[in-house]
Amino acid sequence: MGEVIGTALLITLGNGVVANVVLKKTYGNSGGWIVITLGWAMAVFIGVIVSASASGAHLNPAVTVALAMAGKFDWDKVPLYMLAQLLGACIGSLLMWLSYRKHFDATEEDHLGIFCTRGAIASPFNNLVTEIIASFVFMMAVFSIVSPEAKIGSIDALPVSLVVLAIGLSLGGPTGYAINPARDLGPRIMHAILPIKGKGSSNWKYAWVPIVGPIIGASLAVLVFQAF
């Protein structure tokens, strides 16, 4: 439940700030990339502080896998955590859509970028490389921040959110910095399901990039961190 609720809040607020900036007739319309990256960083902060005591606040399948690889998390719990994260991401997408439903109706342009990521320049290999690098940076920072038990506590929430802010500002341009398979897959599923006026394709041919890239990047971070 900690992972479900934490991830749901993460996506509600993270995708919510994108909706606020992109959709028409909102007070945040055209707020720009700085607003989006700050909003996502604060979404991480809130998701972590709410779920830290219950689940350790992974909120990300790549984090869960990396911690298990590092021997800091039980492999038997990995499938349940990943399922909880995906469910939370779907719930968060639903809550975001409900909040901005009238604004979706007022915006005729493609809505996919509000829900999930895609390459600013469509190039799956290069997009994959970007996601690997960004996720590697993220996981290296997380390993350096968290306690020996590998639980991201409330005190660690702020530095983790600042890492996400830095990644968004520096590496977010090419792909929208998923760095989290559940963050992308759950909203993409909801984009396909929800009755959004004038929606286009859910771009499933790209969906593997923000799943594979973060897991590879986080796994590489385990190998490098353990080599220290």
C-alpha atoms as a PDB file:
ATOM      1  CA  MET A   1       0.000   0.000   0.000  1.00  0.00           C
ATOM      2  CA  GLY A   2       2.911   2.329   0.654  1.00  0.00           C
ATOM      3  CA  GLU A   3       4.166   1.847  -2.901  1.00  0.00           C
ATOM      4  CA  VAL A   4       0.670   2.179  -4.376  1.00  0.00           C
ATOM      5  CA  ILE A   5      -0.107   5.413  -2.532  1.00  0.00           C
ATOM      6  CA  GLY A   6       3.353   6.920  -2.922  1.00  0.00           C
ATOM      7  CA  THR A   7       3.494   6.226  -6.652  1.00  0.00           C
ATOM      8  CA  ALA A   8      -0.075   7.453  -7.119  1.00  0.00           C
ATOM      9  CA  LEU A   9       0.821  10.777  -5.501  1.00  0.00           C
ATOM     10  CA  LEU A  10       4.030  10.963  -7.522  1.00  0.00           C
ATOM     11  CA  ILE A  11       2.136  10.608 -10.803  1.00  0.00           C
ATOM     12  CA  THR A  12      -0.837  12.744  -9.794  1.00  0.00           C
ATOM     13  CA  LEU A  13       1.456  15.681  -9.069  1.00  0.00           C
ATOM     14  CA  GLY A  14       4.149  14.940 -11.662  1.00  0.00           C
ATOM     15  CA  ASN A  15       1.815  14.491 -14.594  1.00  0.00           C
ATOM     16  CA  GLY A  16      -0.371  17.171 -13.053  1.00  0.00           C
ATOM     17  CA  VAL A  17       2.287  19.840 -13.473  1.00  0.00           C
ATOM     18  CA  VAL A  18       2.744  18.825 -17.119  1.00  0.00           C
ATOM     19  CA  ALA A  19      -1.011  19.088 -17.658  1.00  0.00           C
ATOM     20  CA  ASN A  20      -1.030  22.499 -15.977  1.00  0.00           C
ATOM     21  CA  VAL A  21       1.653  23.778 -18.333  1.00  0.00           C
ATOM     22  CA  VAL A  22       0.493  22.127 -21.567  1.00  0.00           C
ATOM     23  CA  LEU A  23      -3.301  22.194 -21.494  1.00  0.00           C
ATOM     24  CA  LYS A  24      -5.267  25.263 -22.537  1.00  0.00           C
ATOM     25  CA  LYS A  25      -7.180  27.579 -20.183  1.00  0.00           C
ATOM     26  CA  THR A  26      -5.242  26.539 -17.061  1.00  0.00           C
ATOM     27  CA  TYR A  27      -3.628  29.132 -14.812  1.00  0.00           C
ATOM     28  CA  GLY A  28      -0.271  27.481 -15.448  1.00  0.00           C
ATOM     29  CA  ASN A  29      -0.502  27.312 -19.248  1.00  0.00           C
ATOM     30  CA  SER A  30       2.841  27.889 -21.003  1.00  0.00           C
ATOM     31  CA  GLY A  31       4.709  27.891 -17.695  1.00  0.00           C
ATOM     32  CA  GLY A  32       7.696  26.215 -19.340  1.00  0.00           C
ATOM     33  CA  TRP A  33      10.282  23.553 -18.595  1.00  0.00           C
ATOM     34  CA  ILE A  34      11.432  25.041 -15.284  1.00  0.00           C
ATOM     35  CA  VAL A  35       7.917  24.748 -13.865  1.00  0.00           C
ATOM     36  CA  ILE A  36       7.680  21.144 -15.062  1.00  0.00           C
ATOM     37  CA  THR A  37      11.021  20.089 -13.585  1.00  0.00           C
ATOM     38  CA  LEU A  38      10.320  21.828 -10.269  1.00  0.00           C
ATOM     39  CA  GLY A  39       6.868  20.259 -10.138  1.00  0.00           C
ATOM     40  CA  TRP A  40       8.251  16.784 -10.776  1.00  0.00           C
ATOM     41  CA  ALA A  41      10.923  17.247  -8.110  1.00  0.00           C
ATOM     42  CA  MET A  42       8.290  18.219  -5.551  1.00  0.00           C
ATOM     43  CA  ALA A  43       6.136  15.287  -6.678  1.00  0.00           C
ATOM     44  CA  VAL A  44       9.033  12.976  -5.815  1.00  0.00           C
ATOM     45  CA  PHE A  45       9.445  14.718  -2.448  1.00  0.00           C
ATOM     46  CA  ILE A  46       5.797  14.216  -1.515  1.00  0.00           C
ATOM     47  CA  GLY A  47       5.647  10.639  -2.794  1.00  0.00           C
ATOM     48  CA  VAL A  48       8.714   9.746  -0.728  1.00  0.00           C
ATOM     49  CA  ILE A  49       7.697  11.374   2.563  1.00  0.00           C
ATOM     50  CA  VAL A  50       4.249   9.765   2.407  1.00  0.00           C
ATOM     51  CA  SER A  51       5.451   6.220   1.687  1.00  0.00           C
ATOM     52  CA  ALA A  52       8.906   6.056   3.292  1.00  0.00           C
ATOM     53  CA  SER A  53       7.836   4.563   6.610  1.00  0.00           C
ATOM     54  CA  ALA A  54       5.518   2.006   5.006  1.00  0.00           C
ATOM     55  CA  SER A  55       7.551   0.652   2.105  1.00  0.00           C
ATOM     56  CA  GLY A  56      10.908   2.407   1.922  1.00  0.00           C
ATOM     57  CA  ALA A  57       9.613   4.654  -0.881  1.00  0.00           C
ATOM     58  CA  HIS A  58      11.054   2.922  -3.924  1.00  0.00           C
ATOM     59  CA  LEU A  59       8.243   4.193  -6.218  1.00  0.00           C
ATOM     60  CA  ASN A  60      10.244   2.920  -9.179  1.00  0.00           C
ATOM     61  CA  PRO A  61      10.807  -0.639 -10.483  1.00  0.00           C
ATOM     62  CA  ALA A  62      14.361   0.254 -11.511  1.00  0.00           C
ATOM     63  CA  VAL A  63      15.141   1.248  -7.916  1.00  0.00           C
ATOM     64  CA  THR A  64      13.577  -1.956  -6.602  1.00  0.00           C
ATOM     65  CA  VAL A  65      15.592  -4.126  -8.982  1.00  0.00           C
ATOM     66  CA  ALA A  66      18.811  -2.238  -8.277  1.00  0.00           C
ATOM     67  CA  LEU A  67      18.404  -2.564  -4.511  1.00  0.00           C
ATOM     68  CA  ALA A  68      17.753  -6.295  -4.897  1.00  0.00           C
ATOM     69  CA  MET A  69      20.857  -6.649  -7.083  1.00  0.00           C
ATOM     70  CA  ALA A  70      22.861  -4.857  -4.400  1.00  0.00           C
ATOM     71  CA  GLY A  71      21.626  -7.304  -1.766  1.00  0.00           C
ATOM     72  CA  LYS A  72      19.720  -4.569   0.060  1.00  0.00           C
ATOM     73  CA  PHE A  73      16.239  -5.830  -0.763  1.00  0.00           C
ATOM     74  CA  ASP A  74      14.572  -9.247  -0.863  1.00  0.00           C
ATOM     75  CA  TRP A  75      14.128 -10.564  -4.427  1.00  0.00           C
ATOM     76  CA  ASP A  76      10.916 -12.298  -3.331  1.00  0.00           C
ATOM     77  CA  LYS A  77       9.312  -8.886  -2.785  1.00  0.00           C
ATOM     78  CA  VAL A  78      10.341  -7.455  -6.158  1.00  0.00           C
ATOM     79  CA  PRO A  79       7.283  -8.606  -8.190  1.00  0.00           C
ATOM     80  CA  LEU A  80       4.844  -7.312  -5.560  1.00  0.00           C
ATOM     81  CA  TYR A  81       6.604  -3.945  -5.361  1.00  0.00           C
ATOM     82  CA  MET A  82       6.650  -3.593  -9.137  1.00  0.00           C
ATOM     83  CA  LEU A  83       2.952  -4.456  -9.373  1.00  0.00           C
ATOM     84  CA  ALA A  84       2.148  -1.937  -6.630  1.00  0.00           C
ATOM     85  CA  GLN A  85       4.149   0.758  -8.408  1.00  0.00           C
ATOM     86  CA  LEU A  86       2.391   0.109 -11.708  1.00  0.00           C
ATOM     87  CA  LEU A  87      -1.028   0.170 -10.031  1.00  0.00           C
ATOM     88  CA  GLY A  88      -0.155   3.410  -8.252  1.00  0.00           C
ATOM     89  CA  ALA A  89       0.964   4.983 -11.516  1.00  0.00           C
ATOM     90  CA  CYS A  90      -2.364   4.047 -13.137  1.00  0.00           C
ATOM     91  CA  ILE A  91      -4.307   5.515 -10.214  1.00  0.00           C
ATOM     92  CA  GLY A  92      -2.245   8.693 -10.302  1.00  0.00           C
ATOM     93  CA  SER A  93      -2.907   9.107 -14.019  1.00  0.00           C
ATOM     94  CA  LEU A  94      -6.625   8.712 -13.432  1.00  0.00           C
ATOM     95  CA  LEU A  95      -6.621  11.343 -10.681  1.00  0.00           C
ATOM     96  CA  MET A  96      -4.668  13.756 -12.867  1.00  0.00           C
ATOM     97  CA  TRP A  97      -7.090  13.262 -15.765  1.00  0.00           C
ATOM     98  CA  LEU A  98     -10.102  13.787 -13.530  1.00  0.00           C
ATOM     99  CA  SER A  99      -8.576  17.016 -12.241  1.00  0.00           C
ATOM    100  CA  TYR A 100      -7.953  18.385 -15.755  1.00  0.00           C
ATOM    101  CA  ARG A 101     -10.776  16.723 -17.673  1.00  0.00           C
ATOM    102  CA  LYS A 102     -12.370  19.935 -18.973  1.00  0.00           C
ATOM    103  CA  HIS A 103      -8.969  21.239 -20.024  1.00  0.00           C
ATOM    104  CA  PHE A 104      -8.273  18.059 -21.966  1.00  0.00           C
ATOM    105  CA  ASP A 105     -11.543  18.694 -23.784  1.00  0.00           C
ATOM    106  CA  ALA A 106     -10.446  22.272 -24.515  1.00  0.00           C
ATOM    107  CA  THR A 107      -7.080  21.207 -25.942  1.00  0.00           C
ATOM    108  CA  GLU A 108      -7.135  19.641 -29.391  1.00  0.00           C
ATOM    109  CA  GLU A 109      -3.411  18.931 -29.622  1.00  0.00           C
ATOM    110  CA  ASP A 110      -1.799  15.564 -28.890  1.00  0.00           C
ATOM    111  CA  HIS A 111      -2.094  14.758 -25.171  1.00  0.00           C
ATOM    112  CA  LEU A 112       0.334  11.849 -24.929  1.00  0.00           C
ATOM    113  CA  GLY A 113       3.228  13.884 -23.526  1.00  0.00           C
ATOM    114  CA  ILE A 114       1.141  14.741 -20.470  1.00  0.00           C
ATOM    115  CA  PHE A 115       0.880  11.063 -19.574  1.00  0.00           C
ATOM    116  CA  CYS A 116       4.184   9.534 -20.604  1.00  0.00           C
ATOM    117  CA  THR A 117       7.487  10.171 -22.337  1.00  0.00           C
ATOM    118  CA  ARG A 118       8.782  10.036 -25.903  1.00  0.00           C
ATOM    119  CA  GLY A 119      11.854  11.119 -27.777  1.00  0.00           C
ATOM    120  CA  ALA A 120      11.974  14.810 -28.647  1.00  0.00           C
ATOM    121  CA  ILE A 121      13.799  13.518 -31.728  1.00  0.00           C
ATOM    122  CA  ALA A 122      12.543  10.018 -32.493  1.00  0.00           C
ATOM    123  CA  SER A 123      15.616   7.798 -32.305  1.00  0.00           C
ATOM    124  CA  PRO A 124      15.033   4.715 -30.140  1.00  0.00           C
ATOM    125  CA  PHE A 125      18.718   3.849 -29.710  1.00  0.00           C
ATOM    126  CA  ASN A 126      19.773   7.366 -28.772  1.00  0.00           C
ATOM    127  CA  ASN A 127      16.689   7.781 -26.577  1.00  0.00           C
ATOM    128  CA  LEU A 128      17.616   4.514 -24.848  1.00  0.00           C
ATOM    129  CA  VAL A 129      21.152   5.760 -24.219  1.00  0.00           C
ATOM    130  CA  THR A 130      19.796   8.963 -22.687  1.00  0.00           C
ATOM    131  CA  GLU A 131      17.491   7.007 -20.360  1.00  0.00           C
ATOM    132  CA  ILE A 132      20.374   4.710 -19.350  1.00  0.00           C
ATOM    133  CA  ILE A 133      22.628   7.662 -18.512  1.00  0.00           C
ATOM    134  CA  ALA A 134      19.934   9.576 -16.620  1.00  0.00           C
ATOM    135  CA  SER A 135      18.910   6.484 -14.637  1.00  0.00           C
ATOM    136  CA  PHE A 136      22.537   5.665 -13.878  1.00  0.00           C
ATOM    137  CA  VAL A 137      23.035   9.159 -12.451  1.00  0.00           C
ATOM    138  CA  PHE A 138      19.812   8.890 -10.459  1.00  0.00           C
ATOM    139  CA  MET A 139      20.647   5.515  -8.931  1.00  0.00           C
ATOM    140  CA  MET A 140      24.233   6.466  -8.104  1.00  0.00           C
ATOM    141  CA  ALA A 141      22.898   9.469  -6.229  1.00  0.00           C
ATOM    142  CA  VAL A 142      20.256   7.399  -4.438  1.00  0.00           C
ATOM    143  CA  PHE A 143      22.876   4.883  -3.295  1.00  0.00           C
ATOM    144  CA  SER A 144      24.938   7.769  -1.944  1.00  0.00           C
ATOM    145  CA  ILE A 145      21.992   9.308  -0.089  1.00  0.00           C
ATOM    146  CA  VAL A 146      20.040   6.443   1.454  1.00  0.00           C
ATOM    147  CA  SER A 147      20.718   4.746   4.766  1.00  0.00           C
ATOM    148  CA  PRO A 148      22.601   1.431   4.990  1.00  0.00           C
ATOM    149  CA  GLU A 149      19.227  -0.343   5.080  1.00  0.00           C
ATOM    150  CA  ALA A 150      18.453   1.228   1.680  1.00  0.00           C
ATOM    151  CA  LYS A 151      15.214   2.804   2.840  1.00  0.00           C
ATOM    152  CA  ILE A 152      14.605   6.316   1.597  1.00  0.00           C
ATOM    153  CA  GLY A 153      13.389   8.062   4.736  1.00  0.00           C
ATOM    154  CA  SER A 154      11.694  11.410   5.078  1.00  0.00           C
ATOM    155  CA  ILE A 155      15.013  13.158   5.708  1.00  0.00           C
ATOM    156  CA  ASP A 156      16.339  11.766   2.427  1.00  0.00           C
ATOM    157  CA  ALA A 157      13.289  12.926   0.455  1.00  0.00           C
ATOM    158  CA  LEU A 158      14.618  16.421  -0.224  1.00  0.00           C
ATOM    159  CA  PRO A 159      18.030  15.413  -1.611  1.00  0.00           C
ATOM    160  CA  VAL A 160      16.412  12.737  -3.789  1.00  0.00           C
ATOM    161  CA  SER A 161      13.975  15.318  -5.160  1.00  0.00           C
ATOM    162  CA  LEU A 162      16.885  17.664  -5.882  1.00  0.00           C
ATOM    163  CA  VAL A 163      18.577  14.864  -7.835  1.00  0.00           C
ATOM    164  CA  VAL A 164      15.418  14.495  -9.933  1.00  0.00           C
ATOM    165  CA  LEU A 165      15.382  18.266 -10.464  1.00  0.00           C
ATOM    166  CA  ALA A 166      19.016  18.212 -11.627  1.00  0.00           C
ATOM    167  CA  ILE A 167      18.382  15.323 -14.005  1.00  0.00           C
ATOM    168  CA  GLY A 168      15.315  17.030 -15.446  1.00  0.00           C
ATOM    169  CA  LEU A 169      17.175  20.283 -16.047  1.00  0.00           C
ATOM    170  CA  SER A 170      20.321  18.685 -17.451  1.00  0.00           C
ATOM    171  CA  LEU A 171      19.276  15.418 -19.124  1.00  0.00           C
ATOM    172  CA  GLY A 172      15.506  15.723 -19.521  1.00  0.00           C
ATOM    173  CA  GLY A 173      15.421  17.384 -22.913  1.00  0.00           C
ATOM    174  CA  PRO A 174      15.924  14.390 -25.247  1.00  0.00           C
ATOM    175  CA  THR A 175      13.335  12.008 -23.731  1.00  0.00           C
ATOM    176  CA  GLY A 176      11.394  13.753 -20.961  1.00  0.00           C
ATOM    177  CA  TYR A 177      13.434  11.779 -18.375  1.00  0.00           C
ATOM    178  CA  ALA A 178      11.249   8.817 -17.446  1.00  0.00           C
ATOM    179  CA  ILE A 179      13.974   7.192 -15.264  1.00  0.00           C
ATOM    180  CA  ASN A 180      11.136   5.021 -13.960  1.00  0.00           C
ATOM    181  CA  PRO A 181       9.380   2.222 -15.889  1.00  0.00           C
ATOM    182  CA  ALA A 182       6.163   2.462 -13.846  1.00  0.00           C
ATOM    183  CA  ARG A 183       6.038   6.231 -14.256  1.00  0.00           C
ATOM    184  CA  ASP A 184       5.853   5.722 -18.019  1.00  0.00           C
ATOM    185  CA  LEU A 185       4.009   2.429 -18.474  1.00  0.00           C
ATOM    186  CA  GLY A 186       1.143   3.066 -16.047  1.00  0.00           C
ATOM    187  CA  PRO A 187       0.205   6.452 -17.540  1.00  0.00           C
ATOM    188  CA  ARG A 188       0.623   5.073 -21.070  1.00  0.00           C
ATOM    189  CA  ILE A 189      -1.882   2.323 -20.266  1.00  0.00           C
ATOM    190  CA  MET A 190      -4.292   4.908 -18.878  1.00  0.00           C
ATOM    191  CA  HIS A 191      -3.861   7.112 -21.941  1.00  0.00           C
ATOM    192  CA  ALA A 192      -4.928   4.160 -24.058  1.00  0.00           C
ATOM    193  CA  ILE A 193      -7.937   3.400 -21.833  1.00  0.00           C
ATOM    194  CA  LEU A 194      -9.337   6.792 -20.843  1.00  0.00           C
ATOM    195  CA  PRO A 195     -11.980   8.505 -23.016  1.00  0.00           C
ATOM    196  CA  ILE A 196      -9.852  11.520 -23.888  1.00  0.00           C
ATOM    197  CA  LYS A 197     -11.337  13.777 -26.526  1.00  0.00           C
ATOM    198  CA  GLY A 198      -9.252  13.822 -29.692  1.00  0.00           C
ATOM    199  CA  LYS A 199      -6.429  11.689 -28.326  1.00  0.00           C
ATOM    200  CA  GLY A 200      -3.937  10.200 -30.732  1.00  0.00           C
ATOM    201  CA  SER A 201      -1.792   7.093 -30.578  1.00  0.00           C
ATOM    202  CA  SER A 202      -0.328   5.859 -27.285  1.00  0.00           C
ATOM    203  CA  ASN A 203       2.953   5.244 -29.181  1.00  0.00           C
ATOM    204  CA  TRP A 204       3.458   1.691 -27.963  1.00  0.00           C
ATOM    205  CA  LYS A 205       6.407   1.196 -30.303  1.00  0.00           C
ATOM    206  CA  TYR A 206       8.387   3.536 -28.018  1.00  0.00           C
ATOM    207  CA  ALA A 207       7.130   2.089 -24.716  1.00  0.00           C
ATOM    208  CA  TRP A 208      10.047  -0.328 -24.298  1.00  0.00           C
ATOM    209  CA  VAL A 209      12.629   2.489 -24.119  1.00  0.00           C
ATOM    210  CA  PRO A 210      11.528   3.962 -20.745  1.00  0.00           C
ATOM    211  CA  ILE A 211      11.218   0.429 -19.363  1.00  0.00           C
ATOM    212  CA  VAL A 212      14.514  -1.055 -20.488  1.00  0.00           C
ATOM    213  CA  GLY A 213      16.640   2.106 -20.208  1.00  0.00           C
ATOM    214  CA  PRO A 214      16.042   2.825 -16.497  1.00  0.00           C
ATOM    215  CA  ILE A 215      16.561  -0.804 -15.509  1.00  0.00           C
ATOM    216  CA  ILE A 216      19.866  -0.996 -17.411  1.00  0.00           C
ATOM    217  CA  GLY A 217      21.037   2.347 -16.040  1.00  0.00           C
ATOM    218  CA  ALA A 218      20.134   1.481 -12.444  1.00  0.00           C
ATOM    219  CA  SER A 219      21.762  -1.951 -12.779  1.00  0.00           C
ATOM    220  CA  LEU A 220      24.981  -0.410 -14.078  1.00  0.00           C
ATOM    221  CA  ALA A 221      24.940   1.940 -11.096  1.00  0.00           C
ATOM    222  CA  VAL A 222      24.884  -1.092  -8.794  1.00  0.00           C
ATOM    223  CA  LEU A 223      28.012  -2.500 -10.434  1.00  0.00           C
ATOM    224  CA  VAL A 224      29.876   0.794 -10.296  1.00  0.00           C
ATOM    225  CA  PHE A 225      28.803   1.631  -6.738  1.00  0.00           C
ATOM    226  CA  GLN A 226      29.819  -1.787  -5.472  1.00  0.00           C
ATOM    227  CA  ALA A 227      33.210  -1.376  -7.128  1.00  0.00           C
ATOM    228  CA  PHE A 228      33.987   1.647  -4.951  1.00  0.00           C
END
